[in-house]
Amino acid sequence: MEHVSLAQLAQHHLEQARQADNGKSVTTLHGSAALRQIMLAFTSGNGLAEHPNPGEATLQILHGRAELATASQTWEGGVGDYLVIPYEPHNLTAVEDCVVMLTVAKKRE
């Protein structure tokens, strides 16, 4: 059984993001044929440009505040908030330095 402290890992990646020129740090926590969990840390104003949803996906905010936006709606959340990501193109922006955990259930072929 593998054990990871999300709090410690989040702090580490937030420090990495603060030192990076692009203001982000990303690590895969779990990756399999069916499920992928990724920790993303961003400094304020940075994030992910608009992209398609690759499958069922959720977002959990572990630190700070983030905004997820589609063409028709915008959601802003803080620590402890959880969102089922709409199945449409979207972007993610750090409202303040933040760390999020993205979980994606890959489409079955």
C-alpha atoms as a PDB file:
ATOM      1  CA  MET A   1       0.000   0.000   0.000  1.00  0.00           C
ATOM      2  CA  GLU A   2       1.379   3.363  -1.032  1.00  0.00           C
ATOM      3  CA  HIS A   3       0.936   6.321   1.318  1.00  0.00           C
ATOM      4  CA  VAL A   4       1.353   9.964   0.281  1.00  0.00           C
ATOM      5  CA  SER A   5       0.818  13.082   2.375  1.00  0.00           C
ATOM      6  CA  LEU A   6      -1.177  15.378   0.102  1.00  0.00           C
ATOM      7  CA  ALA A   7      -0.475  18.334   2.405  1.00  0.00           C
ATOM      8  CA  GLN A   8       3.307  17.860   2.229  1.00  0.00           C
ATOM      9  CA  LEU A   9       3.269  17.178  -1.503  1.00  0.00           C
ATOM     10  CA  ALA A  10       1.074  20.236  -2.116  1.00  0.00           C
ATOM     11  CA  GLN A  11       3.478  22.464  -0.173  1.00  0.00           C
ATOM     12  CA  HIS A  12       6.460  21.072  -2.110  1.00  0.00           C
ATOM     13  CA  HIS A  13       4.827  21.674  -5.497  1.00  0.00           C
ATOM     14  CA  LEU A  14       3.647  25.145  -4.531  1.00  0.00           C
ATOM     15  CA  GLU A  15       7.264  26.025  -3.702  1.00  0.00           C
ATOM     16  CA  GLN A  16       8.322  24.530  -7.061  1.00  0.00           C
ATOM     17  CA  ALA A  17       5.678  26.615  -8.888  1.00  0.00           C
ATOM     18  CA  ARG A  18       6.876  29.780  -7.161  1.00  0.00           C
ATOM     19  CA  GLN A  19      10.392  29.120  -8.454  1.00  0.00           C
ATOM     20  CA  ALA A  20       9.353  28.122 -11.995  1.00  0.00           C
ATOM     21  CA  ASP A  21       9.355  30.655 -14.838  1.00  0.00           C
ATOM     22  CA  ASN A  22       5.906  29.474 -15.944  1.00  0.00           C
ATOM     23  CA  GLY A  23       4.464  29.579 -12.407  1.00  0.00           C
ATOM     24  CA  LYS A  24       3.409  25.939 -12.288  1.00  0.00           C
ATOM     25  CA  SER A  25       4.425  22.521 -11.041  1.00  0.00           C
ATOM     26  CA  VAL A  26       2.681  19.275 -11.993  1.00  0.00           C
ATOM     27  CA  THR A  27       3.024  15.684 -10.798  1.00  0.00           C
ATOM     28  CA  THR A  28       1.072  12.514 -11.495  1.00  0.00           C
ATOM     29  CA  LEU A  29      -0.042  10.879  -8.251  1.00  0.00           C
ATOM     30  CA  HIS A  30      -1.611   7.859  -9.923  1.00  0.00           C
ATOM     31  CA  GLY A  31      -1.775   6.799 -13.540  1.00  0.00           C
ATOM     32  CA  SER A  32      -3.374   3.664 -14.916  1.00  0.00           C
ATOM     33  CA  ALA A  33      -5.295   2.605 -17.996  1.00  0.00           C
ATOM     34  CA  ALA A  34      -8.569   3.754 -16.419  1.00  0.00           C
ATOM     35  CA  LEU A  35      -7.731   6.452 -13.851  1.00  0.00           C
ATOM     36  CA  ARG A  36      -5.329   9.380 -13.626  1.00  0.00           C
ATOM     37  CA  GLN A  37      -4.810  11.671 -10.610  1.00  0.00           C
ATOM     38  CA  ILE A  38      -2.649  14.739 -11.039  1.00  0.00           C
ATOM     39  CA  MET A  39      -1.565  17.427  -8.577  1.00  0.00           C
ATOM     40  CA  LEU A  40      -1.144  20.857 -10.142  1.00  0.00           C
ATOM     41  CA  ALA A  41       0.289  23.910  -8.381  1.00  0.00           C
ATOM     42  CA  PHE A  42       0.007  27.401  -9.869  1.00  0.00           C
ATOM     43  CA  THR A  43       1.022  30.860  -8.810  1.00  0.00           C
ATOM     44  CA  SER A  44      -1.626  33.570  -8.989  1.00  0.00           C
ATOM     45  CA  GLY A  45      -2.736  34.317 -12.551  1.00  0.00           C
ATOM     46  CA  ASN A  46      -1.283  31.136 -14.030  1.00  0.00           C
ATOM     47  CA  GLY A  47      -3.110  27.948 -14.969  1.00  0.00           C
ATOM     48  CA  LEU A  48      -4.203  25.858 -17.925  1.00  0.00           C
ATOM     49  CA  ALA A  49      -5.407  27.364 -21.194  1.00  0.00           C
ATOM     50  CA  GLU A  50      -8.692  26.184 -22.662  1.00  0.00           C
ATOM     51  CA  HIS A  51      -8.652  22.464 -23.415  1.00  0.00           C
ATOM     52  CA  PRO A  52     -11.160  19.650 -23.969  1.00  0.00           C
ATOM     53  CA  ASN A  53     -12.286  17.339 -21.184  1.00  0.00           C
ATOM     54  CA  PRO A  54     -10.606  13.948 -21.863  1.00  0.00           C
ATOM     55  CA  GLY A  55     -13.199  11.992 -19.861  1.00  0.00           C
ATOM     56  CA  GLU A  56     -15.098  12.186 -16.602  1.00  0.00           C
ATOM     57  CA  ALA A  57     -13.112  14.539 -14.393  1.00  0.00           C
ATOM     58  CA  THR A  58     -13.221  16.159 -10.964  1.00  0.00           C
ATOM     59  CA  LEU A  59     -11.214  18.922  -9.344  1.00  0.00           C
ATOM     60  CA  GLN A  60     -10.468  19.317  -5.641  1.00  0.00           C
ATOM     61  CA  ILE A  61      -8.798  22.438  -4.278  1.00  0.00           C
ATOM     62  CA  LEU A  62      -6.121  21.637  -1.703  1.00  0.00           C
ATOM     63  CA  HIS A  63      -4.658  25.140  -1.237  1.00  0.00           C
ATOM     64  CA  GLY A  64      -5.625  28.669  -2.293  1.00  0.00           C
ATOM     65  CA  ARG A  65      -8.327  29.660  -4.785  1.00  0.00           C
ATOM     66  CA  ALA A  66      -8.922  28.715  -8.416  1.00  0.00           C
ATOM     67  CA  GLU A  67     -11.400  29.518 -11.160  1.00  0.00           C
ATOM     68  CA  LEU A  68     -12.661  27.046 -13.744  1.00  0.00           C
ATOM     69  CA  ALA A  69     -14.473  28.526 -16.737  1.00  0.00           C
ATOM     70  CA  THR A  70     -16.348  27.201 -19.756  1.00  0.00           C
ATOM     71  CA  ALA A  71     -17.938  29.251 -22.538  1.00  0.00           C
ATOM     72  CA  SER A  72     -21.186  29.419 -20.567  1.00  0.00           C
ATOM     73  CA  GLN A  73     -20.253  29.404 -16.876  1.00  0.00           C
ATOM     74  CA  THR A  74     -17.539  30.233 -14.332  1.00  0.00           C
ATOM     75  CA  TRP A  75     -16.904  28.596 -10.964  1.00  0.00           C
ATOM     76  CA  GLU A  76     -14.520  29.842  -8.269  1.00  0.00           C
ATOM     77  CA  GLY A  77     -13.585  27.709  -5.295  1.00  0.00           C
ATOM     78  CA  GLY A  78     -11.299  27.519  -2.308  1.00  0.00           C
ATOM     79  CA  VAL A  79      -9.717  24.963  -0.018  1.00  0.00           C
ATOM     80  CA  GLY A  80     -11.855  21.863   0.357  1.00  0.00           C
ATOM     81  CA  ASP A  81     -14.113  22.638  -2.604  1.00  0.00           C
ATOM     82  CA  TYR A  82     -14.842  19.880  -5.105  1.00  0.00           C
ATOM     83  CA  LEU A  83     -16.156  20.215  -8.636  1.00  0.00           C
ATOM     84  CA  VAL A  84     -17.296  17.778 -11.296  1.00  0.00           C
ATOM     85  CA  ILE A  85     -15.765  19.298 -14.416  1.00  0.00           C
ATOM     86  CA  PRO A  86     -18.311  19.881 -17.193  1.00  0.00           C
ATOM     87  CA  TYR A  87     -17.825  17.794 -20.312  1.00  0.00           C
ATOM     88  CA  GLU A  88     -16.919  20.748 -22.518  1.00  0.00           C
ATOM     89  CA  PRO A  89     -13.820  22.849 -23.226  1.00  0.00           C
ATOM     90  CA  HIS A  90     -12.666  24.728 -20.138  1.00  0.00           C
ATOM     91  CA  ASN A  91      -9.726  26.575 -18.598  1.00  0.00           C
ATOM     92  CA  LEU A  92      -8.337  26.788 -15.099  1.00  0.00           C
ATOM     93  CA  THR A  93      -6.781  29.902 -13.534  1.00  0.00           C
ATOM     94  CA  ALA A  94      -5.239  30.443 -10.096  1.00  0.00           C
ATOM     95  CA  VAL A  95      -7.063  33.334  -8.423  1.00  0.00           C
ATOM     96  CA  GLU A  96      -4.300  33.168  -5.810  1.00  0.00           C
ATOM     97  CA  ASP A  97      -1.441  30.700  -5.425  1.00  0.00           C
ATOM     98  CA  CYS A  98      -3.185  27.333  -5.426  1.00  0.00           C
ATOM     99  CA  VAL A  99      -2.813  23.567  -5.528  1.00  0.00           C
ATOM    100  CA  VAL A 100      -5.504  21.345  -7.018  1.00  0.00           C
ATOM    101  CA  MET A 101      -5.949  17.625  -7.521  1.00  0.00           C
ATOM    102  CA  LEU A 102      -7.399  16.613 -10.864  1.00  0.00           C
ATOM    103  CA  THR A 103      -8.919  13.148 -11.191  1.00  0.00           C
ATOM    104  CA  VAL A 104      -9.739  11.840 -14.666  1.00  0.00           C
ATOM    105  CA  ALA A 105     -11.471   8.577 -15.507  1.00  0.00           C
ATOM    106  CA  LYS A 106     -10.248   7.865 -19.019  1.00  0.00           C
ATOM    107  CA  LYS A 107     -12.707   6.997 -21.738  1.00  0.00           C
ATOM    108  CA  ARG A 108     -12.910   3.320 -22.543  1.00  0.00           C
ATOM    109  CA  GLU A 109     -12.157   2.542 -26.158  1.00  0.00           C
END
